[in-house]
């Protein structure tokens, strides 16, 4: 699995009063993550029925690339910046392709 492309789907629900404060935080994370060598795609989407529900859709070259991302300064900073603004525990799925 180390050399296999992987996708991540991460659901993040934030408190309504935190939305405007967190949008620039999301933008910084996206900009920095897209510079990572192991990143193929990193997109933030928003639930059309719930503006406080976000979904990151990511594609990575390998599990090692994901590990490096999760240890990166910008991702660690992001986690610290959002922790008090979460409405629920984030749901994260790491997915591999079958066909």
N, C-alpha and C. Protein backbone atom coordinates (compact mmCIF):
# COMPACT_ATOMS: atom_id res chain seq x y z
N UNK A 1 0.81 -1.19 0.00
CA UNK A 1 0.00 0.00 0.00
C UNK A 1 0.86 1.26 0.00
N UNK A 2 2.12 1.16 0.34
CA UNK A 2 2.98 2.34 0.46
C UNK A 2 3.14 3.07 -0.88
N UNK A 3 3.10 2.34 -2.00
CA UNK A 3 3.28 2.97 -3.30
C UNK A 3 1.96 3.13 -4.06
N UNK A 4 0.86 2.88 -3.41
CA UNK A 4 -0.44 2.95 -4.05
C UNK A 4 -1.06 4.33 -3.86
N UNK A 5 -1.64 4.87 -4.94
CA UNK A 5 -2.36 6.13 -4.81
C UNK A 5 -3.54 5.94 -3.87
N UNK A 6 -3.78 6.93 -3.02
CA UNK A 6 -4.87 6.86 -2.06
C UNK A 6 -5.68 8.15 -2.11
N UNK A 7 -6.94 8.02 -1.75
CA UNK A 7 -7.81 9.18 -1.63
C UNK A 7 -8.26 9.30 -0.19
N UNK A 8 -8.51 10.53 0.22
CA UNK A 8 -9.06 10.80 1.54
C UNK A 8 -10.31 11.63 1.37
N UNK A 9 -11.33 11.27 2.13
CA UNK A 9 -12.54 12.07 2.24
C UNK A 9 -12.66 12.41 3.72
N UNK A 10 -12.62 13.70 4.03
CA UNK A 10 -12.67 14.15 5.43
C UNK A 10 -13.84 15.11 5.60
N UNK A 11 -14.78 14.73 6.47
CA UNK A 11 -15.95 15.56 6.75
C UNK A 11 -15.70 16.37 8.01
N UNK A 12 -15.88 17.68 7.89
CA UNK A 12 -15.64 18.57 9.02
C UNK A 12 -16.85 19.48 9.19
N UNK A 13 -17.45 19.44 10.37
CA UNK A 13 -18.56 20.32 10.71
C UNK A 13 -18.07 21.34 11.73
N UNK A 14 -18.31 22.60 11.42
CA UNK A 14 -17.85 23.67 12.31
C UNK A 14 -19.04 24.41 12.93
N UNK A 15 -18.76 25.10 14.00
CA UNK A 15 -19.79 25.93 14.64
C UNK A 15 -20.14 27.09 13.71
N UNK A 16 -21.42 27.41 13.66
CA UNK A 16 -21.90 28.46 12.76
C UNK A 16 -21.17 29.78 12.97
N UNK A 17 -20.93 30.13 14.21
CA UNK A 17 -20.30 31.42 14.50
C UNK A 17 -18.81 31.44 14.12
N UNK A 18 -18.26 30.30 13.76
CA UNK A 18 -16.83 30.21 13.42
C UNK A 18 -16.55 30.25 11.93
N UNK A 19 -17.58 30.19 11.11
CA UNK A 19 -17.40 30.04 9.67
C UNK A 19 -16.49 31.11 9.06
N UNK A 20 -16.81 32.36 9.25
CA UNK A 20 -16.03 33.44 8.63
C UNK A 20 -14.59 33.46 9.13
N UNK A 21 -14.40 33.12 10.37
CA UNK A 21 -13.05 33.08 10.95
C UNK A 21 -12.22 31.95 10.36
N UNK A 22 -12.87 30.82 10.04
CA UNK A 22 -12.13 29.65 9.58
C UNK A 22 -11.89 29.60 8.07
N UNK A 23 -12.66 30.34 7.30
CA UNK A 23 -12.45 30.29 5.84
C UNK A 23 -11.02 30.62 5.44
N UNK A 24 -10.38 31.65 5.99
CA UNK A 24 -8.98 31.91 5.64
C UNK A 24 -8.04 30.80 6.14
N UNK A 25 -8.40 30.15 7.22
CA UNK A 25 -7.59 29.04 7.75
C UNK A 25 -7.64 27.87 6.77
N UNK A 26 -8.83 27.56 6.25
CA UNK A 26 -8.97 26.51 5.24
C UNK A 26 -8.16 26.87 3.99
N UNK A 27 -8.25 28.12 3.57
CA UNK A 27 -7.55 28.56 2.35
C UNK A 27 -6.04 28.39 2.49
N UNK A 28 -5.49 28.76 3.63
CA UNK A 28 -4.05 28.61 3.86
C UNK A 28 -3.65 27.14 3.82
N UNK A 29 -4.44 26.28 4.47
CA UNK A 29 -4.14 24.85 4.45
C UNK A 29 -4.12 24.32 3.02
N UNK A 30 -5.12 24.69 2.24
CA UNK A 30 -5.21 24.21 0.86
C UNK A 30 -4.00 24.68 0.05
N UNK A 31 -3.68 25.95 0.15
CA UNK A 31 -2.55 26.49 -0.62
C UNK A 31 -1.24 25.79 -0.27
N UNK A 32 -0.99 25.58 1.01
CA UNK A 32 0.25 24.92 1.43
C UNK A 32 0.27 23.44 1.07
N UNK A 33 -0.87 22.78 1.21
CA UNK A 33 -0.93 21.34 0.91
C UNK A 33 -0.72 21.07 -0.57
N UNK A 34 -1.24 21.91 -1.42
CA UNK A 34 -1.09 21.71 -2.86
C UNK A 34 0.36 21.84 -3.31
N UNK A 35 1.21 22.41 -2.49
CA UNK A 35 2.65 22.51 -2.79
C UNK A 35 3.41 21.24 -2.43
N UNK A 36 2.79 20.35 -1.67
CA UNK A 36 3.48 19.14 -1.22
C UNK A 36 3.73 18.21 -2.40
N UNK A 37 4.92 17.63 -2.42
CA UNK A 37 5.32 16.75 -3.52
C UNK A 37 4.38 15.56 -3.69
N UNK A 38 3.91 15.00 -2.61
CA UNK A 38 3.08 13.80 -2.69
C UNK A 38 1.60 14.05 -2.92
N UNK A 39 1.21 15.32 -3.01
CA UNK A 39 -0.20 15.64 -3.21
C UNK A 39 -0.54 15.67 -4.69
N UNK A 40 -1.61 15.00 -5.06
CA UNK A 40 -2.11 15.02 -6.44
C UNK A 40 -3.26 16.01 -6.56
N UNK A 41 -4.16 15.99 -5.59
CA UNK A 41 -5.32 16.87 -5.61
C UNK A 41 -5.78 17.12 -4.18
N UNK A 42 -6.23 18.35 -3.91
CA UNK A 42 -6.69 18.71 -2.56
C UNK A 42 -7.77 19.76 -2.72
N UNK A 43 -9.02 19.36 -2.54
CA UNK A 43 -10.16 20.22 -2.81
C UNK A 43 -11.05 20.30 -1.58
N UNK A 44 -11.51 21.49 -1.27
CA UNK A 44 -12.47 21.68 -0.19
C UNK A 44 -13.82 21.96 -0.81
N UNK A 45 -14.82 21.17 -0.40
CA UNK A 45 -16.18 21.37 -0.87
C UNK A 45 -17.06 21.72 0.32
N UNK A 46 -18.23 22.25 -0.01
CA UNK A 46 -19.16 22.69 1.02
C UNK A 46 -20.52 22.06 0.76
N UNK A 47 -21.15 21.53 1.77
CA UNK A 47 -22.49 20.96 1.64
C UNK A 47 -23.45 22.08 1.25
N UNK A 48 -24.19 21.90 0.16
CA UNK A 48 -25.09 22.96 -0.31
C UNK A 48 -26.27 23.18 0.63
N UNK A 49 -26.55 22.21 1.47
CA UNK A 49 -27.66 22.35 2.42
C UNK A 49 -27.20 22.76 3.82
N UNK A 50 -25.90 22.74 4.05
CA UNK A 50 -25.37 23.09 5.37
C UNK A 50 -24.03 23.80 5.18
N UNK A 51 -24.03 25.10 5.23
CA UNK A 51 -22.84 25.89 4.97
C UNK A 51 -21.74 25.72 6.01
N UNK A 52 -22.02 25.02 7.08
CA UNK A 52 -21.02 24.78 8.12
C UNK A 52 -20.46 23.36 8.05
N UNK A 53 -20.83 22.65 7.01
CA UNK A 53 -20.35 21.28 6.80
C UNK A 53 -19.44 21.27 5.56
N UNK A 54 -18.19 20.90 5.78
CA UNK A 54 -17.19 20.90 4.72
C UNK A 54 -16.68 19.48 4.48
N UNK A 55 -16.27 19.23 3.24
CA UNK A 55 -15.69 17.93 2.89
C UNK A 55 -14.40 18.19 2.11
N UNK A 56 -13.30 17.70 2.66
CA UNK A 56 -12.04 17.70 1.93
C UNK A 56 -12.00 16.44 1.09
N UNK A 57 -11.69 16.58 -0.19
CA UNK A 57 -11.51 15.45 -1.10
C UNK A 57 -10.06 15.54 -1.57
N UNK A 58 -9.29 14.52 -1.22
CA UNK A 58 -7.85 14.57 -1.43
C UNK A 58 -7.38 13.35 -2.23
N UNK A 59 -6.30 13.52 -2.97
CA UNK A 59 -5.64 12.39 -3.63
C UNK A 59 -4.14 12.51 -3.39
N UNK A 60 -3.55 11.39 -2.99
CA UNK A 60 -2.14 11.34 -2.60
C UNK A 60 -1.42 10.24 -3.36
N UNK A 61 -0.12 10.44 -3.58
CA UNK A 61 0.69 9.46 -4.30
C UNK A 61 0.91 8.18 -3.51
N UNK A 62 0.89 8.28 -2.16
CA UNK A 62 1.20 7.11 -1.33
C UNK A 62 0.80 7.37 0.12
N UNK A 63 0.83 6.31 0.90
CA UNK A 63 0.59 6.45 2.34
C UNK A 63 1.70 7.30 2.97
N UNK A 64 2.91 7.16 2.48
CA UNK A 64 4.02 7.97 3.00
C UNK A 64 3.75 9.46 2.78
N UNK A 65 3.19 9.80 1.62
CA UNK A 65 2.85 11.21 1.35
C UNK A 65 1.80 11.72 2.33
N UNK A 66 0.84 10.86 2.66
CA UNK A 66 -0.18 11.24 3.65
C UNK A 66 0.47 11.44 5.01
N UNK A 67 1.34 10.53 5.38
CA UNK A 67 2.03 10.64 6.67
C UNK A 67 2.82 11.94 6.76
N UNK A 68 3.52 12.29 5.69
CA UNK A 68 4.29 13.54 5.67
C UNK A 68 3.37 14.75 5.79
N UNK A 69 2.23 14.69 5.11
CA UNK A 69 1.26 15.78 5.18
C UNK A 69 0.76 15.95 6.62
N UNK A 70 0.41 14.85 7.25
CA UNK A 70 -0.15 14.92 8.60
C UNK A 70 0.87 15.42 9.63
N UNK A 71 2.15 15.30 9.31
CA UNK A 71 3.21 15.78 10.20
C UNK A 71 3.70 17.17 9.81
N UNK A 72 3.20 17.71 8.70
CA UNK A 72 3.67 19.01 8.22
C UNK A 72 3.27 20.13 9.17
N UNK A 73 4.06 21.18 9.17
CA UNK A 73 3.80 22.32 10.05
C UNK A 73 2.44 22.95 9.76
N UNK A 74 2.08 23.06 8.48
CA UNK A 74 0.80 23.70 8.15
C UNK A 74 -0.40 22.86 8.56
N UNK A 75 -0.29 21.53 8.49
CA UNK A 75 -1.41 20.68 8.92
C UNK A 75 -1.54 20.67 10.43
N UNK A 76 -0.42 20.59 11.13
CA UNK A 76 -0.44 20.62 12.60
C UNK A 76 -1.02 21.96 13.08
N UNK A 77 -0.62 23.05 12.43
CA UNK A 77 -1.16 24.37 12.78
C UNK A 77 -2.66 24.42 12.52
N UNK A 78 -3.09 23.87 11.40
CA UNK A 78 -4.52 23.83 11.06
C UNK A 78 -5.32 23.12 12.14
N UNK A 79 -4.83 21.97 12.57
CA UNK A 79 -5.54 21.21 13.61
C UNK A 79 -5.70 22.05 14.88
N UNK A 80 -4.66 22.75 15.25
CA UNK A 80 -4.72 23.59 16.44
C UNK A 80 -5.69 24.75 16.27
N UNK A 81 -5.76 25.29 15.06
CA UNK A 81 -6.61 26.45 14.81
C UNK A 81 -8.10 26.10 14.78
N UNK A 82 -8.44 24.87 14.38
CA UNK A 82 -9.86 24.53 14.25
C UNK A 82 -10.45 23.80 15.45
N UNK A 83 -9.62 23.25 16.32
CA UNK A 83 -10.11 22.33 17.35
C UNK A 83 -11.23 22.91 18.21
N UNK A 84 -11.17 24.17 18.55
CA UNK A 84 -12.21 24.77 19.40
C UNK A 84 -13.43 25.23 18.60
N UNK A 85 -13.38 25.07 17.29
CA UNK A 85 -14.47 25.53 16.43
C UNK A 85 -15.27 24.39 15.81
N UNK A 86 -14.93 23.16 16.16
CA UNK A 86 -15.61 22.00 15.59
C UNK A 86 -16.97 21.79 16.25
N UNK A 87 -17.98 21.46 15.43
CA UNK A 87 -19.30 21.13 15.94
C UNK A 87 -19.43 19.63 16.19
N UNK A 88 -18.52 18.85 15.61
CA UNK A 88 -18.53 17.40 15.76
C UNK A 88 -17.11 16.89 15.49
N UNK A 89 -16.87 15.67 15.88
CA UNK A 89 -15.58 15.04 15.62
C UNK A 89 -15.47 14.81 14.10
N UNK A 90 -14.37 15.24 13.47
CA UNK A 90 -14.21 15.01 12.03
C UNK A 90 -14.25 13.52 11.69
N UNK A 91 -14.80 13.22 10.53
CA UNK A 91 -14.84 11.85 10.03
C UNK A 91 -13.88 11.77 8.84
N UNK A 92 -12.93 10.86 8.94
CA UNK A 92 -11.90 10.75 7.90
C UNK A 92 -11.86 9.32 7.38
N UNK A 93 -11.92 9.18 6.06
CA UNK A 93 -11.82 7.87 5.41
C UNK A 93 -10.64 7.91 4.44
N UNK A 94 -9.76 6.93 4.54
CA UNK A 94 -8.67 6.76 3.58
C UNK A 94 -9.10 5.63 2.66
N UNK A 95 -9.10 5.91 1.36
CA UNK A 95 -9.67 4.99 0.38
C UNK A 95 -8.64 4.57 -0.66
N UNK A 96 -8.72 3.31 -1.06
CA UNK A 96 -7.89 2.82 -2.16
C UNK A 96 -8.81 2.43 -3.32
N UNK A 97 -8.27 2.45 -4.52
CA UNK A 97 -9.05 2.08 -5.70
C UNK A 97 -9.01 0.58 -5.90
N UNK A 98 -10.10 0.05 -6.41
CA UNK A 98 -10.13 -1.38 -6.75
C UNK A 98 -9.89 -1.59 -8.24
N UNK A 99 -10.45 -0.74 -9.07
CA UNK A 99 -10.34 -0.92 -10.52
C UNK A 99 -9.96 0.38 -11.18
